[in-house]
Protein backbone atom coordinates (compact mmCIF):
# COMPACT_ATOMS: atom_id res chain seq x y z
CA UNK A 1 152.78 153.57 59.18
CA UNK A 2 152.32 154.57 62.71
CA UNK A 3 148.73 155.41 61.92
CA UNK A 4 148.20 152.02 60.23
CA UNK A 5 149.75 150.20 63.17
CA UNK A 6 147.48 152.14 65.53
CA UNK A 7 144.41 151.27 63.47
CA UNK A 8 145.36 147.58 63.43
CA UNK A 9 145.96 147.58 67.18
CA UNK A 10 142.60 149.27 67.75
CA UNK A 11 140.84 146.68 65.58
CA UNK A 12 142.49 143.80 67.47
CA UNK A 13 141.60 145.46 70.78
CA UNK A 14 137.95 145.94 69.76
CA UNK A 15 137.68 142.34 68.56
CA UNK A 16 139.29 141.08 71.76
CA UNK A 17 137.02 143.14 73.99
CA UNK A 18 133.85 142.37 72.09
CA UNK A 19 134.65 138.64 72.22
CA UNK A 20 135.10 138.86 75.99
CA UNK A 21 132.00 140.98 76.51
CA UNK A 22 129.88 138.58 74.44
CA UNK A 23 130.35 135.85 77.08
CA UNK A 24 128.71 138.17 79.64
CA UNK A 25 125.42 138.23 77.74
CA UNK A 26 124.48 134.71 78.83
CA UNK A 27 124.70 132.95 82.22
CA UNK A 28 123.52 129.39 82.87
CA UNK A 29 122.57 127.46 86.03
CA UNK A 30 121.07 123.98 85.64
CA UNK A 31 118.92 122.58 88.47
CA UNK A 32 119.03 118.91 87.57
CA UNK A 33 117.51 117.39 90.72
CA UNK A 34 114.00 118.82 91.20
CA UNK A 35 111.63 116.36 92.91
CA UNK A 36 108.22 116.20 94.54
CA UNK A 37 106.64 113.30 96.40
CA UNK A 38 102.97 112.53 97.04
CA UNK A 39 102.00 111.54 100.58
CA UNK A 40 101.31 107.88 101.32
CA UNK A 41 97.75 106.88 100.44
CA UNK A 42 95.22 104.42 101.80
CA UNK A 43 93.13 102.58 99.21
CA UNK A 44 90.70 99.87 100.29
CA UNK A 45 89.55 97.13 97.92
CA UNK A 46 86.73 94.69 98.69
CA UNK A 47 86.28 91.47 96.74
CA UNK A 48 83.04 89.56 97.16
CA UNK A 49 81.39 86.42 95.80
CA UNK A 50 81.70 85.97 92.05
CA UNK A 51 84.92 88.03 92.09
CA UNK A 52 82.96 91.29 92.34
CA UNK A 53 85.45 94.06 93.18
CA UNK A 54 84.77 97.45 94.75
CA UNK A 55 87.54 99.97 95.45
CA UNK A 56 87.43 103.12 97.57
CA UNK A 57 88.62 105.13 94.56
CA UNK A 58 85.61 104.05 92.45
CA UNK A 59 83.73 107.11 93.66
CA UNK A 60 85.94 109.39 91.58
CA UNK A 61 87.40 112.71 92.63
CA UNK A 62 89.66 113.00 95.63
CA UNK A 63 87.22 111.66 98.22
CA UNK A 64 88.59 108.09 98.22
CA UNK A 65 85.08 106.90 99.09
CA UNK A 66 82.70 104.79 97.03
CA UNK A 67 79.30 103.13 97.47
CA UNK A 68 79.28 99.42 96.64
CA UNK A 69 75.81 97.94 96.12
CA UNK A 70 77.04 94.84 94.30
CA UNK A 71 78.36 93.02 97.38
CA UNK A 72 75.57 91.98 99.77
CA UNK A 73 77.25 90.66 102.89
CA UNK A 74 73.96 89.36 104.30
CA UNK A 75 73.28 87.16 101.28
CA UNK A 76 70.34 88.94 99.72
CA UNK A 77 66.71 87.97 99.27
CA UNK A 78 66.94 85.37 96.49
CA UNK A 79 66.40 82.57 99.03
CA UNK A 80 64.35 83.79 102.02
CA UNK A 81 65.35 82.33 105.38
CA UNK A 82 63.02 80.03 107.27
CA UNK A 83 63.29 79.35 111.01
CA UNK A 84 66.63 77.67 111.68
CA UNK A 85 68.11 78.65 108.28
CA UNK A 86 71.30 80.65 107.71
CA UNK A 87 73.40 81.93 104.81
CA UNK A 88 77.05 82.95 104.63
CA UNK A 89 79.01 85.41 102.51
CA UNK A 90 82.79 85.85 102.55
CA UNK A 91 84.53 89.01 101.42
CA UNK A 92 88.21 89.95 101.23
CA UNK A 93 89.46 93.40 102.20
CA UNK A 94 92.88 94.46 100.88
CA UNK A 95 94.94 97.58 101.42
CA UNK A 96 96.01 98.38 97.84
CA UNK A 97 97.46 101.76 98.82
CA UNK A 98 100.94 102.70 99.99
CA UNK A 99 100.30 103.49 103.66
CA UNK A 100 99.26 101.37 106.65
CA UNK A 101 95.99 101.85 108.52
CA UNK A 102 93.57 100.24 110.89
CA UNK A 103 90.45 98.59 109.44
CA UNK A 104 87.03 98.96 111.05
CA UNK A 105 83.52 97.85 110.16
CA UNK A 106 80.74 100.21 111.21
CA UNK A 107 77.11 99.08 110.91
CA UNK A 108 74.38 101.60 110.18
CA UNK A 109 70.83 101.42 111.44
CA UNK A 110 68.98 98.25 110.50
CA UNK A 111 65.59 98.91 108.91
CA UNK A 112 62.75 96.42 108.44
CA UNK A 113 60.31 96.66 105.56
CA UNK A 114 57.48 94.52 104.18
CA UNK A 115 55.64 91.80 106.00
CA UNK A 116 52.43 92.25 107.90
CA UNK A 117 51.54 95.85 108.76
CA UNK A 118 50.37 94.63 112.19
CA UNK A 119 53.53 92.62 112.97
CA UNK A 120 54.64 92.82 116.59
CA UNK A 121 58.22 91.70 115.85
CA UNK A 122 60.93 93.11 113.57
CA UNK A 123 63.37 91.03 111.55
CA UNK A 124 66.23 93.41 112.51
CA UNK A 125 65.72 92.37 116.14
CA UNK A 126 65.32 88.65 115.42
CA UNK A 127 67.84 87.77 112.66
CA UNK A 128 71.41 87.33 113.91
CA UNK A 129 74.83 87.82 112.36
CA UNK A 130 78.24 86.44 113.22
CA UNK A 131 81.33 88.06 111.70
CA UNK A 132 84.53 86.00 111.57
CA UNK A 133 87.68 87.52 110.05
CA UNK A 134 91.05 85.92 109.32
CA UNK A 135 94.58 87.05 110.14
CA UNK A 136 95.63 89.85 110.58
CA UNK A 137 92.18 90.42 112.03
CA UNK A 138 91.77 91.40 115.65
CA UNK A 139 88.07 90.48 115.73
CA UNK A 140 87.19 87.86 118.33
CA UNK A 141 86.22 84.94 116.12
CA UNK A 142 84.33 83.20 118.96
CA UNK A 143 81.81 86.04 119.42
CA UNK A 144 78.26 84.76 119.78
CA UNK A 145 75.74 85.75 117.11
CA UNK A 146 74.10 89.15 117.71
CA UNK A 147 70.87 90.63 116.40
CA UNK A 148 71.38 92.79 113.31
CA UNK A 149 70.10 95.80 115.27
CA UNK A 150 72.68 95.13 118.03
CA UNK A 151 75.73 94.80 115.77
CA UNK A 152 78.36 97.26 117.00
CA UNK A 153 81.48 98.69 115.36
CA UNK A 154 84.23 96.10 114.96
CA UNK A 155 87.96 96.70 114.79
CA UNK A 156 88.84 94.20 112.09
CA UNK A 157 92.59 94.91 112.04
CA UNK A 158 94.61 97.34 114.11
CA UNK A 159 97.10 97.56 111.23
CA UNK A 160 96.60 96.55 107.62
CA UNK A 161 99.86 97.13 105.76
CA UNK A 162 100.11 97.86 102.03
CA UNK A 163 99.36 94.68 100.10
CA UNK A 164 97.96 92.96 103.19
CA UNK A 165 94.42 91.54 103.23
CA UNK A 166 91.92 89.92 105.54
CA UNK A 167 88.91 87.77 104.79
CA UNK A 168 85.63 88.22 106.68
CA UNK A 169 82.70 85.79 106.68
CA UNK A 170 79.21 86.98 107.55
CA UNK A 171 76.82 84.29 108.77
CA UNK A 172 73.22 85.55 108.96
CA UNK A 173 70.67 83.29 110.62
CA UNK A 174 66.99 83.24 111.47
CA UNK A 175 66.71 81.40 114.80
CA UNK A 176 64.52 78.32 114.94
CA UNK A 177 62.44 80.10 117.59
CA UNK A 178 61.69 83.10 115.30
CA UNK A 179 58.15 84.39 115.49
CA UNK A 180 55.94 84.05 112.41
CA UNK A 181 55.34 87.80 112.89
CA UNK A 182 58.58 88.45 110.93
CA UNK A 183 57.31 86.50 107.89
CA UNK A 184 57.80 88.39 104.62
CA UNK A 185 59.91 91.12 106.22
CA UNK A 186 63.19 92.33 104.67
CA UNK A 187 65.99 93.68 106.86
CA UNK A 188 68.38 96.20 105.31
CA UNK A 189 71.52 97.47 107.01
CA UNK A 190 74.39 99.54 105.58
CA UNK A 191 77.89 98.40 106.54
CA UNK A 192 80.84 100.77 106.19
CA UNK A 193 84.47 99.64 105.97
CA UNK A 194 87.00 102.30 106.97
CA UNK A 195 90.77 102.06 106.54
CA UNK A 196 92.40 104.90 108.44
């Protein structure tokens, strides 16, 4: 009987210990608040005539830079300008990103092509442009027209907040006093918008 009692006690002890030891084979910690945040981004969207839209992210990849050939801010060549004529194009620039930045317009080199091979005048030096932008623009809207070749970088807005936009109108003119030497010439100039 003593032996049976001892065996029973040993069985109970083994079951009790093994039950306790089994809880040591697993330990759990739950991290339930793991987060990561992307930095604020600048995304520039330009809308031109006919509701043509170009966005800086159209270029693909991570460059946030795109070429937009579908918006011609000088009006194109469909209707050539005669002396005293002008044409206007209005575009809207919007910050569709999440961060604020300043907006600038940087002109590239104006190049003249076509016309008479013996011409003594270049359309880039004769045709003028006036750029007028709306609030929150910091461009002086009373600036006199300048030759395409003399157009300098413009600070369009010192701060363009997310969701904020500005409209800019480009008025390109051929002065009434333009020389016939520029007849048939085409002026081409890249314009680069930068939100930074």
